[in-house]
């Protein structure tokens, strides 16, 4: 969270494998500017941003001549870090959300607890191992690093589907909508929504 109370954050991460700058705003308008070497991830992040009504800017270059793994993983790390920072002390948030999203024949569910306790559960079996040049196993890698760095409990379940693209698309749409709901301010909440008094 910025000094003027705006729920936004940015981060830069440079390693021998990737060079990433990323800015994220919770209370946005669904605008994204995405420049990465992984076109399918660009598409998924655009969906996440639009359906969560966030603002997201990503510039990422990585060693995709080897594969997409490092770039996807590090974007997940950076996005998670900015989500955690943008949430600040989490006063007044709803904290929890459970969202189902259909995409034609596919149905995905994302359940979030902005708990400050990172945990990730993933139930998804995709018909194909690739969508274009994108390896479907990287969805799990991205989401796990996102949950870890955002310090959220994240459960992702793909209930069914037969088109892998549709199934993953439903996940990212549900992720955006669930994070939007969990991070939204509830005027009835005094302080943080925890009997501990802190999240």
C-alpha atoms as a PDB file:
ATOM      1  CA  UNK A   1       0.000   0.000   0.000  1.00  0.00           C
ATOM      2  CA  UNK A   2       1.302   3.442  -0.860  1.00  0.00           C
ATOM      3  CA  UNK A   3       1.669   6.314   1.615  1.00  0.00           C
ATOM      4  CA  UNK A   4      -1.543   7.931   0.370  1.00  0.00           C
ATOM      5  CA  UNK A   5      -3.578   4.780   1.016  1.00  0.00           C
ATOM      6  CA  UNK A   6      -3.763   3.570  -2.588  1.00  0.00           C
ATOM      7  CA  UNK A   7      -3.648  -0.222  -2.687  1.00  0.00           C
ATOM      8  CA  UNK A   8      -0.878  -0.659  -5.239  1.00  0.00           C
ATOM      9  CA  UNK A   9       2.722  -1.852  -5.362  1.00  0.00           C
ATOM     10  CA  UNK A  10       5.564  -2.447  -7.784  1.00  0.00           C
ATOM     11  CA  UNK A  11       8.631  -4.646  -7.827  1.00  0.00           C
ATOM     12  CA  UNK A  12      11.720  -5.264  -9.949  1.00  0.00           C
ATOM     13  CA  UNK A  13      13.462  -8.621 -10.048  1.00  0.00           C
ATOM     14  CA  UNK A  14      16.617  -9.344 -12.015  1.00  0.00           C
ATOM     15  CA  UNK A  15      18.446 -12.657 -12.009  1.00  0.00           C
ATOM     16  CA  UNK A  16      20.740 -14.490 -14.408  1.00  0.00           C
ATOM     17  CA  UNK A  17      17.573 -16.031 -15.850  1.00  0.00           C
ATOM     18  CA  UNK A  18      14.986 -13.223 -15.910  1.00  0.00           C
ATOM     19  CA  UNK A  19      14.569  -9.448 -15.833  1.00  0.00           C
ATOM     20  CA  UNK A  20      11.115  -8.367 -14.625  1.00  0.00           C
ATOM     21  CA  UNK A  21       9.398  -5.156 -13.594  1.00  0.00           C
ATOM     22  CA  UNK A  22       5.806  -5.460 -12.440  1.00  0.00           C
ATOM     23  CA  UNK A  23       3.219  -3.031 -11.047  1.00  0.00           C
ATOM     24  CA  UNK A  24      -0.115  -4.101  -9.577  1.00  0.00           C
ATOM     25  CA  UNK A  25      -3.124  -2.118  -8.344  1.00  0.00           C
ATOM     26  CA  UNK A  26      -6.008  -3.748  -6.489  1.00  0.00           C
ATOM     27  CA  UNK A  27      -8.560  -0.980  -6.982  1.00  0.00           C
ATOM     28  CA  UNK A  28      -8.160  -0.608 -10.706  1.00  0.00           C
ATOM     29  CA  UNK A  29     -10.221  -0.617 -13.866  1.00  0.00           C
ATOM     30  CA  UNK A  30      -9.174  -3.878 -15.508  1.00  0.00           C
ATOM     31  CA  UNK A  31      -6.334  -2.365 -17.534  1.00  0.00           C
ATOM     32  CA  UNK A  32      -3.235  -4.381 -18.401  1.00  0.00           C
ATOM     33  CA  UNK A  33       0.007  -3.675 -20.233  1.00  0.00           C
ATOM     34  CA  UNK A  34       1.800  -6.970 -20.710  1.00  0.00           C
ATOM     35  CA  UNK A  35       5.097  -7.485 -22.470  1.00  0.00           C
ATOM     36  CA  UNK A  36       6.576 -10.901 -21.795  1.00  0.00           C
ATOM     37  CA  UNK A  37       8.200 -13.614 -23.866  1.00  0.00           C
ATOM     38  CA  UNK A  38       5.332 -16.022 -23.043  1.00  0.00           C
ATOM     39  CA  UNK A  39       2.266 -15.156 -25.170  1.00  0.00           C
ATOM     40  CA  UNK A  40      -0.102 -17.620 -23.489  1.00  0.00           C
ATOM     41  CA  UNK A  41       0.740 -16.203 -20.052  1.00  0.00           C
ATOM     42  CA  UNK A  42       0.090 -12.700 -21.409  1.00  0.00           C
ATOM     43  CA  UNK A  43      -3.384 -13.876 -22.403  1.00  0.00           C
ATOM     44  CA  UNK A  44      -4.053 -15.437 -18.979  1.00  0.00           C
ATOM     45  CA  UNK A  45      -2.809 -12.380 -17.064  1.00  0.00           C
ATOM     46  CA  UNK A  46      -4.998 -10.147 -19.210  1.00  0.00           C
ATOM     47  CA  UNK A  47      -8.025 -12.265 -18.254  1.00  0.00           C
ATOM     48  CA  UNK A  48      -7.024 -12.214 -14.570  1.00  0.00           C
ATOM     49  CA  UNK A  49      -6.697  -8.424 -14.652  1.00  0.00           C
ATOM     50  CA  UNK A  50      -9.950  -7.792 -16.517  1.00  0.00           C
ATOM     51  CA  UNK A  51     -12.077 -10.083 -14.372  1.00  0.00           C
ATOM     52  CA  UNK A  52     -10.554  -8.844 -11.111  1.00  0.00           C
ATOM     53  CA  UNK A  53     -10.800  -5.166 -12.111  1.00  0.00           C
ATOM     54  CA  UNK A  54      -7.125  -4.736 -11.253  1.00  0.00           C
ATOM     55  CA  UNK A  55      -4.421  -2.726 -12.998  1.00  0.00           C
ATOM     56  CA  UNK A  56      -1.354  -4.704 -14.033  1.00  0.00           C
ATOM     57  CA  UNK A  57       1.810  -3.786 -15.908  1.00  0.00           C
ATOM     58  CA  UNK A  58       4.438  -6.425 -16.638  1.00  0.00           C
ATOM     59  CA  UNK A  59       7.679  -6.183 -18.571  1.00  0.00           C
ATOM     60  CA  UNK A  60       9.531  -9.478 -18.517  1.00  0.00           C
ATOM     61  CA  UNK A  61      12.412 -10.985 -20.420  1.00  0.00           C
ATOM     62  CA  UNK A  62      13.766 -14.412 -19.691  1.00  0.00           C
ATOM     63  CA  UNK A  63      15.686 -17.409 -20.968  1.00  0.00           C
ATOM     64  CA  UNK A  64      12.802 -18.755 -23.032  1.00  0.00           C
ATOM     65  CA  UNK A  65      15.329 -20.220 -25.448  1.00  0.00           C
ATOM     66  CA  UNK A  66      15.686 -22.895 -22.758  1.00  0.00           C
ATOM     67  CA  UNK A  67      11.981 -22.975 -21.838  1.00  0.00           C
ATOM     68  CA  UNK A  68       9.300 -20.774 -20.268  1.00  0.00           C
ATOM     69  CA  UNK A  69       9.761 -22.080 -16.727  1.00  0.00           C
ATOM     70  CA  UNK A  70      11.937 -19.364 -15.187  1.00  0.00           C
ATOM     71  CA  UNK A  71       9.935 -16.516 -16.704  1.00  0.00           C
ATOM     72  CA  UNK A  72       6.560 -17.897 -15.615  1.00  0.00           C
ATOM     73  CA  UNK A  73       7.819 -18.737 -12.132  1.00  0.00           C
ATOM     74  CA  UNK A  74       9.412 -15.333 -11.570  1.00  0.00           C
ATOM     75  CA  UNK A  75       6.335 -13.449 -12.782  1.00  0.00           C
ATOM     76  CA  UNK A  76       4.334 -15.457 -10.246  1.00  0.00           C
ATOM     77  CA  UNK A  77       6.825 -14.464  -7.548  1.00  0.00           C
ATOM     78  CA  UNK A  78       6.653 -10.782  -8.485  1.00  0.00           C
ATOM     79  CA  UNK A  79       2.862 -10.698  -8.724  1.00  0.00           C
ATOM     80  CA  UNK A  80       2.555 -12.395  -5.351  1.00  0.00           C
ATOM     81  CA  UNK A  81       4.925  -9.907  -3.753  1.00  0.00           C
ATOM     82  CA  UNK A  82       2.986  -6.925  -5.085  1.00  0.00           C
ATOM     83  CA  UNK A  83      -0.360  -8.381  -3.991  1.00  0.00           C
ATOM     84  CA  UNK A  84       0.952  -8.821  -0.464  1.00  0.00           C
ATOM     85  CA  UNK A  85       2.395  -5.305  -0.347  1.00  0.00           C
ATOM     86  CA  UNK A  86      -0.673  -3.693  -1.910  1.00  0.00           C
ATOM     87  CA  UNK A  87      -2.968  -5.280   0.685  1.00  0.00           C
ATOM     88  CA  UNK A  88      -1.109  -3.539   3.501  1.00  0.00           C
ATOM     89  CA  UNK A  89      -2.437  -4.446   6.951  1.00  0.00           C
ATOM     90  CA  UNK A  90      -5.652  -5.859   5.393  1.00  0.00           C
ATOM     91  CA  UNK A  91      -7.965  -3.775   7.561  1.00  0.00           C
ATOM     92  CA  UNK A  92     -11.581  -4.024   6.477  1.00  0.00           C
ATOM     93  CA  UNK A  93     -11.147  -6.693   3.805  1.00  0.00           C
ATOM     94  CA  UNK A  94     -13.552  -9.583   3.320  1.00  0.00           C
ATOM     95  CA  UNK A  95     -10.567 -11.986   3.450  1.00  0.00           C
ATOM     96  CA  UNK A  96     -12.327 -15.050   1.979  1.00  0.00           C
ATOM     97  CA  UNK A  97     -13.764 -15.818  -1.441  1.00  0.00           C
ATOM     98  CA  UNK A  98     -14.961 -18.838  -3.392  1.00  0.00           C
ATOM     99  CA  UNK A  99     -15.698 -18.386  -7.091  1.00  0.00           C
ATOM    100  CA  UNK A 100     -16.823 -20.786  -9.818  1.00  0.00           C
ATOM    101  CA  UNK A 101     -16.260 -19.780 -13.432  1.00  0.00           C
ATOM    102  CA  UNK A 102     -17.435 -21.749 -16.474  1.00  0.00           C
ATOM    103  CA  UNK A 103     -15.693 -21.501 -19.811  1.00  0.00           C
ATOM    104  CA  UNK A 104     -17.886 -23.342 -22.285  1.00  0.00           C
ATOM    105  CA  UNK A 105     -17.569 -27.021 -21.247  1.00  0.00           C
ATOM    106  CA  UNK A 106     -14.986 -26.360 -18.514  1.00  0.00           C
ATOM    107  CA  UNK A 107     -15.662 -25.413 -14.890  1.00  0.00           C
ATOM    108  CA  UNK A 108     -13.027 -24.077 -12.488  1.00  0.00           C
ATOM    109  CA  UNK A 109     -13.249 -23.092  -8.834  1.00  0.00           C
ATOM    110  CA  UNK A 110     -10.837 -20.841  -6.934  1.00  0.00           C
ATOM    111  CA  UNK A 111     -11.035 -20.453  -3.150  1.00  0.00           C
ATOM    112  CA  UNK A 112      -8.894 -17.823  -1.395  1.00  0.00           C
ATOM    113  CA  UNK A 113      -8.090 -16.924   2.185  1.00  0.00           C
ATOM    114  CA  UNK A 114      -5.888 -13.839   2.517  1.00  0.00           C
ATOM    115  CA  UNK A 115      -4.605 -15.371   5.710  1.00  0.00           C
ATOM    116  CA  UNK A 116      -0.872 -14.550   5.774  1.00  0.00           C
ATOM    117  CA  UNK A 117      -0.424 -18.338   5.844  1.00  0.00           C
ATOM    118  CA  UNK A 118       0.748 -19.539   2.435  1.00  0.00           C
ATOM    119  CA  UNK A 119      -0.778 -22.819   1.336  1.00  0.00           C
ATOM    120  CA  UNK A 120      -1.633 -24.182  -2.095  1.00  0.00           C
ATOM    121  CA  UNK A 121      -3.901 -27.029  -3.155  1.00  0.00           C
ATOM    122  CA  UNK A 122      -4.308 -27.858  -6.832  1.00  0.00           C
ATOM    123  CA  UNK A 123      -6.689 -30.323  -8.420  1.00  0.00           C
ATOM    124  CA  UNK A 124      -6.476 -30.236 -12.195  1.00  0.00           C
ATOM    125  CA  UNK A 125      -5.951 -32.812 -14.905  1.00  0.00           C
ATOM    126  CA  UNK A 126      -5.572 -31.433 -18.400  1.00  0.00           C
ATOM    127  CA  UNK A 127      -6.183 -33.469 -21.566  1.00  0.00           C
ATOM    128  CA  UNK A 128      -3.005 -32.124 -23.195  1.00  0.00           C
ATOM    129  CA  UNK A 129       0.429 -31.213 -21.866  1.00  0.00           C
ATOM    130  CA  UNK A 130       0.783 -28.202 -24.161  1.00  0.00           C
ATOM    131  CA  UNK A 131      -1.330 -25.249 -25.242  1.00  0.00           C
ATOM    132  CA  UNK A 132       0.541 -24.036 -28.290  1.00  0.00           C
ATOM    133  CA  UNK A 133       4.120 -23.825 -27.033  1.00  0.00           C
ATOM    134  CA  UNK A 134       3.052 -23.378 -23.379  1.00  0.00           C
ATOM    135  CA  UNK A 135       3.531 -26.306 -20.987  1.00  0.00           C
ATOM    136  CA  UNK A 136       0.439 -26.841 -18.833  1.00  0.00           C
ATOM    137  CA  UNK A 137       2.566 -27.876 -15.825  1.00  0.00           C
ATOM    138  CA  UNK A 138       3.643 -24.221 -15.579  1.00  0.00           C
ATOM    139  CA  UNK A 139       0.139 -23.238 -14.431  1.00  0.00           C
ATOM    140  CA  UNK A 140       0.796 -25.056 -11.165  1.00  0.00           C
ATOM    141  CA  UNK A 141       4.254 -23.502 -10.864  1.00  0.00           C
ATOM    142  CA  UNK A 142       2.880 -19.992 -11.380  1.00  0.00           C
ATOM    143  CA  UNK A 143       0.000 -20.400  -8.928  1.00  0.00           C
ATOM    144  CA  UNK A 144       2.135 -21.974  -6.204  1.00  0.00           C
ATOM    145  CA  UNK A 145       4.703 -19.161  -6.312  1.00  0.00           C
ATOM    146  CA  UNK A 146       1.881 -16.609  -6.388  1.00  0.00           C
ATOM    147  CA  UNK A 147       0.288 -18.090  -3.248  1.00  0.00           C
ATOM    148  CA  UNK A 148       3.626 -18.378  -1.480  1.00  0.00           C
ATOM    149  CA  UNK A 149       4.705 -14.791  -2.096  1.00  0.00           C
ATOM    150  CA  UNK A 150       1.257 -13.284  -1.517  1.00  0.00           C
ATOM    151  CA  UNK A 151       1.050 -15.357   1.686  1.00  0.00           C
ATOM    152  CA  UNK A 152      -2.429 -16.543   0.832  1.00  0.00           C
ATOM    153  CA  UNK A 153      -4.191 -19.867   1.110  1.00  0.00           C
ATOM    154  CA  UNK A 154      -5.163 -20.782  -2.438  1.00  0.00           C
ATOM    155  CA  UNK A 155      -7.221 -23.773  -3.561  1.00  0.00           C
ATOM    156  CA  UNK A 156      -7.696 -24.302  -7.295  1.00  0.00           C
ATOM    157  CA  UNK A 157     -10.001 -27.033  -8.590  1.00  0.00           C
ATOM    158  CA  UNK A 158     -10.803 -27.735 -12.222  1.00  0.00           C
ATOM    159  CA  UNK A 159     -13.956 -29.806 -11.922  1.00  0.00           C
ATOM    160  CA  UNK A 160     -14.159 -30.871 -15.545  1.00  0.00           C
ATOM    161  CA  UNK A 161     -13.521 -29.930 -19.157  1.00  0.00           C
ATOM    162  CA  UNK A 162     -12.037 -31.370 -22.326  1.00  0.00           C
ATOM    163  CA  UNK A 163     -10.407 -28.321 -23.906  1.00  0.00           C
ATOM    164  CA  UNK A 164      -7.187 -27.502 -22.060  1.00  0.00           C
ATOM    165  CA  UNK A 165      -7.199 -23.858 -23.116  1.00  0.00           C
ATOM    166  CA  UNK A 166     -10.737 -23.418 -21.780  1.00  0.00           C
ATOM    167  CA  UNK A 167      -9.859 -25.130 -18.503  1.00  0.00           C
ATOM    168  CA  UNK A 168      -6.858 -22.904 -17.814  1.00  0.00           C
ATOM    169  CA  UNK A 169      -8.740 -19.807 -18.920  1.00  0.00           C
ATOM    170  CA  UNK A 170     -11.502 -20.594 -16.412  1.00  0.00           C
ATOM    171  CA  UNK A 171      -8.837 -20.859 -13.670  1.00  0.00           C
ATOM    172  CA  UNK A 172      -7.386 -17.411 -14.351  1.00  0.00           C
ATOM    173  CA  UNK A 173     -10.798 -15.763 -14.636  1.00  0.00           C
ATOM    174  CA  UNK A 174     -11.853 -17.359 -11.338  1.00  0.00           C
ATOM    175  CA  UNK A 175      -8.560 -16.305  -9.747  1.00  0.00           C
ATOM    176  CA  UNK A 176      -9.163 -12.680 -10.685  1.00  0.00           C
ATOM    177  CA  UNK A 177     -12.744 -12.678  -9.435  1.00  0.00           C
ATOM    178  CA  UNK A 178     -11.864 -14.470  -6.194  1.00  0.00           C
ATOM    179  CA  UNK A 179      -8.986 -12.122  -5.380  1.00  0.00           C
ATOM    180  CA  UNK A 180     -11.202  -9.144  -6.157  1.00  0.00           C
ATOM    181  CA  UNK A 181     -13.863 -10.387  -3.745  1.00  0.00           C
ATOM    182  CA  UNK A 182     -11.457 -11.410  -0.960  1.00  0.00           C
ATOM    183  CA  UNK A 183      -9.584  -8.090  -1.115  1.00  0.00           C
ATOM    184  CA  UNK A 184     -12.697  -5.923  -1.285  1.00  0.00           C
ATOM    185  CA  UNK A 185     -13.516  -3.665   1.645  1.00  0.00           C
ATOM    186  CA  UNK A 186     -16.524  -4.562   3.792  1.00  0.00           C
ATOM    187  CA  UNK A 187     -17.664  -1.514   5.807  1.00  0.00           C
ATOM    188  CA  UNK A 188     -18.967  -3.824   8.531  1.00  0.00           C
ATOM    189  CA  UNK A 189     -15.488  -5.187   9.267  1.00  0.00           C
ATOM    190  CA  UNK A 190     -13.755  -3.411  12.117  1.00  0.00           C
ATOM    191  CA  UNK A 191      -9.978  -3.813  11.950  1.00  0.00           C
ATOM    192  CA  UNK A 192      -8.926  -7.125  10.403  1.00  0.00           C
ATOM    193  CA  UNK A 193     -11.291 -10.099   9.979  1.00  0.00           C
ATOM    194  CA  UNK A 194      -9.561 -12.389  12.465  1.00  0.00           C
ATOM    195  CA  UNK A 195     -10.054 -13.238  16.140  1.00  0.00           C
ATOM    196  CA  UNK A 196      -6.271 -13.001  16.443  1.00  0.00           C
ATOM    197  CA  UNK A 197      -6.469  -9.287  15.707  1.00  0.00           C
ATOM    198  CA  UNK A 198      -3.856  -9.541  12.981  1.00  0.00           C
ATOM    199  CA  UNK A 199      -3.421 -11.189   9.586  1.00  0.00           C
END
